[in-house]
Every structure is written in structure tokens, then in C-alpha cells.
Amino acid sequence: MVYITRGLLTALLELAADRDPESVNVSLAATPAEAFETDLPSGTPVLTDMYLPGTGGSVTAVFGMDLSTPDADGRFLSHPEGHLELTTTDDLHRVVLVAVPPYDEDSVAAFNRAGEKQPLDIVDAEPPEGQLEGGNEADRDGPDAEDYSR
């Protein structure tokens, strides 16, 4: 199961609609469920934040790689051509959300790294303000790295 806050999903869908017919590729960050009011089990990652595409362009130009975006917990992609599936050219993460026109809640799906569709649950809760609490790289790549598949 993949969890995302309604606010983040709404913002992502609006971004995709605004950029259409161009595609969107956005890094996502998760916050543990216990950090805000929700009935989800402690430790459950909830996608709560995004890193806007295109930030840090000058740093990328100098170093030849994207050093401006922290390690992401997931990825949001839009497919303006209408294919609600992962493709071989998509950036892959542990969790990938794909949206297609008309960019509403019924036109988005979650996939794991292998391209298998995952259940998507929209959480009606506001994440805490302040620093992202998605854990460090060791937390995400450890034995519980598949927490999104619950």
C-alpha cells in the first residue's frame, strides 16, 4: 500500500495539468505516520512533500549531475500521452506515481520498482510543519525498505 496526503496529491495533479502537454518528473519525500494525526501504524511512510523540478539547475550544470535534490522516497511522473503504466524510459524509485489526463484522483496509479501496480490510499491529514522526517538513507535501504508494499 502506498500512502499520500491529499494536499500533496492535489498539488502534484495541478502541476501536471499546468505543464501539459509536457511531462512532469518530481521527487517525493515521505514522513512517518506517527509524525502527524493519522490511524496508520507507526513507521508507515506517507508521501507528504515534493522537490520542485528544475531547482538547482546551475549546480547541475557545473557538476554534471543533480546535487540539489536530497535522496527521494518516491517519484511522481505525468504521462500526457495517456499511458497509465511505467515505461522503460521512466525514472524508477521504490514508489512511482504516474498520472495521466485529466489529472484527477481517478487518473493516478502507484507502482513499485518492478512496475507492479500498488494500492494507493489518500490520507486526509496535514503533515507537521518543519523539517522532513523521512529518515536517512540507511533507514530507507534497510530490511524494512519495502514498507510501501503493506
Protein backbone atom coordinates (compact mmCIF):
# COMPACT_ATOMS: atom_id res chain seq x y z
CA MET A 1 0.00 0.00 0.00
CA VAL A 2 1.23 3.47 -0.89
CA TYR A 3 0.03 6.38 1.25
CA ILE A 4 -0.04 10.04 0.13
CA THR A 5 -1.59 13.12 1.69
CA ARG A 6 -4.49 14.64 -0.20
CA GLY A 7 -2.74 18.02 -0.23
CA LEU A 8 0.37 16.64 -1.93
CA LEU A 9 -1.63 14.65 -4.47
CA THR A 10 -3.71 17.72 -5.33
CA ALA A 11 -0.57 19.84 -5.79
CA LEU A 12 1.06 17.18 -8.00
CA LEU A 13 -2.02 16.81 -10.20
CA GLU A 14 -2.29 20.60 -10.58
CA LEU A 15 1.40 20.77 -11.54
CA ALA A 16 0.91 18.04 -14.15
CA ALA A 17 -2.16 19.78 -15.60
CA ASP A 18 -0.31 23.13 -15.76
CA ARG A 19 2.69 21.60 -17.56
CA ASP A 20 0.61 19.52 -20.02
CA PRO A 21 1.49 18.64 -22.82
CA GLU A 22 4.99 18.48 -21.30
CA SER A 23 5.64 15.68 -18.81
CA VAL A 24 6.48 16.24 -15.15
CA ASN A 25 9.08 14.37 -13.10
CA VAL A 26 9.06 15.23 -9.37
CA SER A 27 10.97 13.74 -6.43
CA LEU A 28 8.82 12.90 -3.40
CA ALA A 29 9.62 12.69 0.30
CA ALA A 30 7.81 10.69 2.97
CA THR A 31 7.10 11.38 6.62
CA PRO A 32 6.48 8.59 9.16
CA ALA A 33 2.79 8.31 10.06
CA GLU A 34 3.43 8.91 13.77
CA ALA A 35 4.63 12.46 12.98
CA PHE A 36 1.06 13.63 12.40
CA GLU A 37 -2.53 12.69 13.21
CA THR A 38 -3.47 9.51 11.39
CA ASP A 39 -4.64 6.00 12.26
CA LEU A 40 -1.80 4.37 10.32
CA PRO A 41 0.69 2.14 12.17
CA SER A 42 3.85 3.76 13.49
CA GLY A 43 6.66 3.77 10.94
CA THR A 44 4.35 3.75 7.93
CA PRO A 45 5.77 6.12 5.30
CA VAL A 46 3.32 8.70 3.98
CA LEU A 47 4.28 10.76 0.94
CA THR A 48 3.96 14.34 2.14
CA ASP A 49 6.38 16.61 0.28
CA MET A 50 7.83 17.26 -3.16
CA TYR A 51 11.01 18.77 -4.52
CA LEU A 52 10.09 21.09 -7.36
CA PRO A 53 11.59 20.12 -10.71
CA GLY A 54 14.24 22.37 -12.16
CA THR A 55 15.62 23.68 -8.87
CA GLY A 56 19.39 23.75 -8.62
CA GLY A 57 19.91 23.97 -12.37
CA SER A 58 23.14 25.97 -12.05
CA VAL A 59 24.66 23.41 -9.67
CA THR A 60 23.70 20.62 -12.05
CA ALA A 61 25.26 22.49 -14.97
CA VAL A 62 28.58 22.89 -13.14
CA PHE A 63 28.90 19.36 -11.76
CA GLY A 64 27.09 17.43 -14.50
CA MET A 65 24.76 15.70 -12.03
CA ASP A 66 21.86 16.69 -9.81
CA LEU A 67 23.32 17.54 -6.41
CA SER A 68 20.47 19.84 -5.39
CA THR A 69 17.78 17.27 -4.55
CA PRO A 70 18.13 15.09 -1.47
CA ASP A 71 17.62 11.34 -1.71
CA ALA A 72 13.96 10.83 -2.61
CA ASP A 73 11.46 8.34 -1.21
CA GLY A 74 9.45 8.24 -4.42
CA ARG A 75 8.78 9.81 -7.77
CA PHE A 76 5.75 11.41 -9.46
CA LEU A 77 5.56 11.27 -13.26
CA SER A 78 2.97 12.54 -15.67
CA HIS A 79 2.29 10.80 -18.95
CA PRO A 80 0.46 13.38 -21.10
CA GLU A 81 0.06 10.78 -23.86
CA GLY A 82 -2.32 8.86 -21.57
CA HIS A 83 -0.47 5.62 -20.70
CA LEU A 84 -1.17 4.80 -17.03
CA GLU A 85 1.79 2.46 -16.62
CA LEU A 86 5.54 2.56 -16.08
CA THR A 87 7.68 2.64 -19.18
CA THR A 88 11.29 1.66 -19.76
CA THR A 89 12.24 5.34 -20.02
CA ASP A 90 10.71 6.38 -16.67
CA ASP A 91 12.87 7.25 -13.66
CA LEU A 92 12.34 4.41 -11.21
CA HIS A 93 12.16 4.52 -7.42
CA ARG A 94 10.80 2.23 -4.74
CA VAL A 95 7.45 4.01 -5.33
CA VAL A 96 6.42 5.72 -8.56
CA LEU A 97 3.13 7.58 -9.01
CA VAL A 98 2.00 8.00 -12.61
CA ALA A 99 -0.75 10.42 -13.63
CA VAL A 100 -2.49 10.88 -16.96
CA PRO A 101 -5.04 13.42 -18.25
CA PRO A 102 -7.49 14.62 -16.97
CA TYR A 103 -5.18 14.65 -13.90
CA ASP A 104 -7.70 13.83 -11.20
CA GLU A 105 -7.62 11.27 -8.38
CA ASP A 106 -9.03 8.61 -10.71
CA SER A 107 -6.23 9.11 -13.25
CA VAL A 108 -3.24 8.35 -10.99
CA ALA A 109 -1.74 4.99 -10.05
CA ALA A 110 1.12 3.78 -7.85
CA PHE A 111 3.75 1.27 -8.92
CA ASN A 112 6.68 -0.43 -7.25
CA ARG A 113 10.17 -0.57 -8.76
CA ALA A 114 9.24 -3.73 -10.71
CA GLY A 115 6.34 -1.94 -12.40
CA GLU A 116 3.64 -3.77 -10.44
CA LYS A 117 0.59 -1.68 -9.61
CA GLN A 118 0.18 -0.98 -5.87
CA PRO A 119 -2.91 0.12 -3.93
CA LEU A 120 -2.93 3.90 -3.37
CA ASP A 121 -4.53 5.35 -0.24
CA ILE A 122 -5.13 9.09 0.07
CA VAL A 123 -4.64 10.29 3.65
CA ASP A 124 -6.74 13.24 4.84
CA ALA A 125 -4.19 14.62 7.29
CA GLU A 126 -1.80 17.53 7.33
CA PRO A 127 1.88 16.70 7.84
CA PRO A 128 3.75 18.60 10.54
CA GLU A 129 5.43 21.85 9.55
CA GLY A 130 9.19 21.96 9.51
CA GLN A 131 11.96 19.58 8.59
CA LEU A 132 11.25 16.45 6.56
CA GLU A 133 11.39 13.36 8.71
CA GLY A 134 11.71 10.68 6.03
CA GLY A 135 14.69 9.09 7.72
CA ASN A 136 18.17 8.70 6.38
CA GLU A 137 19.42 6.54 3.53
CA ALA A 138 20.23 3.64 5.84
CA ASP A 139 16.62 3.64 7.09
CA ARG A 140 15.20 3.52 3.55
CA ASP A 141 17.53 0.84 2.25
CA GLY A 142 17.45 -1.45 5.28
CA PRO A 143 15.40 -4.60 5.83
CA ASP A 144 12.16 -2.61 6.06
CA ALA A 145 12.75 -0.79 2.77
CA GLU A 146 9.60 -2.34 1.30
CA ASP A 147 7.32 -0.59 3.82
CA TYR A 148 5.38 0.82 0.85
CA SER A 149 4.17 -2.65 -0.07
CA ARG A 150 2.00 -3.01 3.05
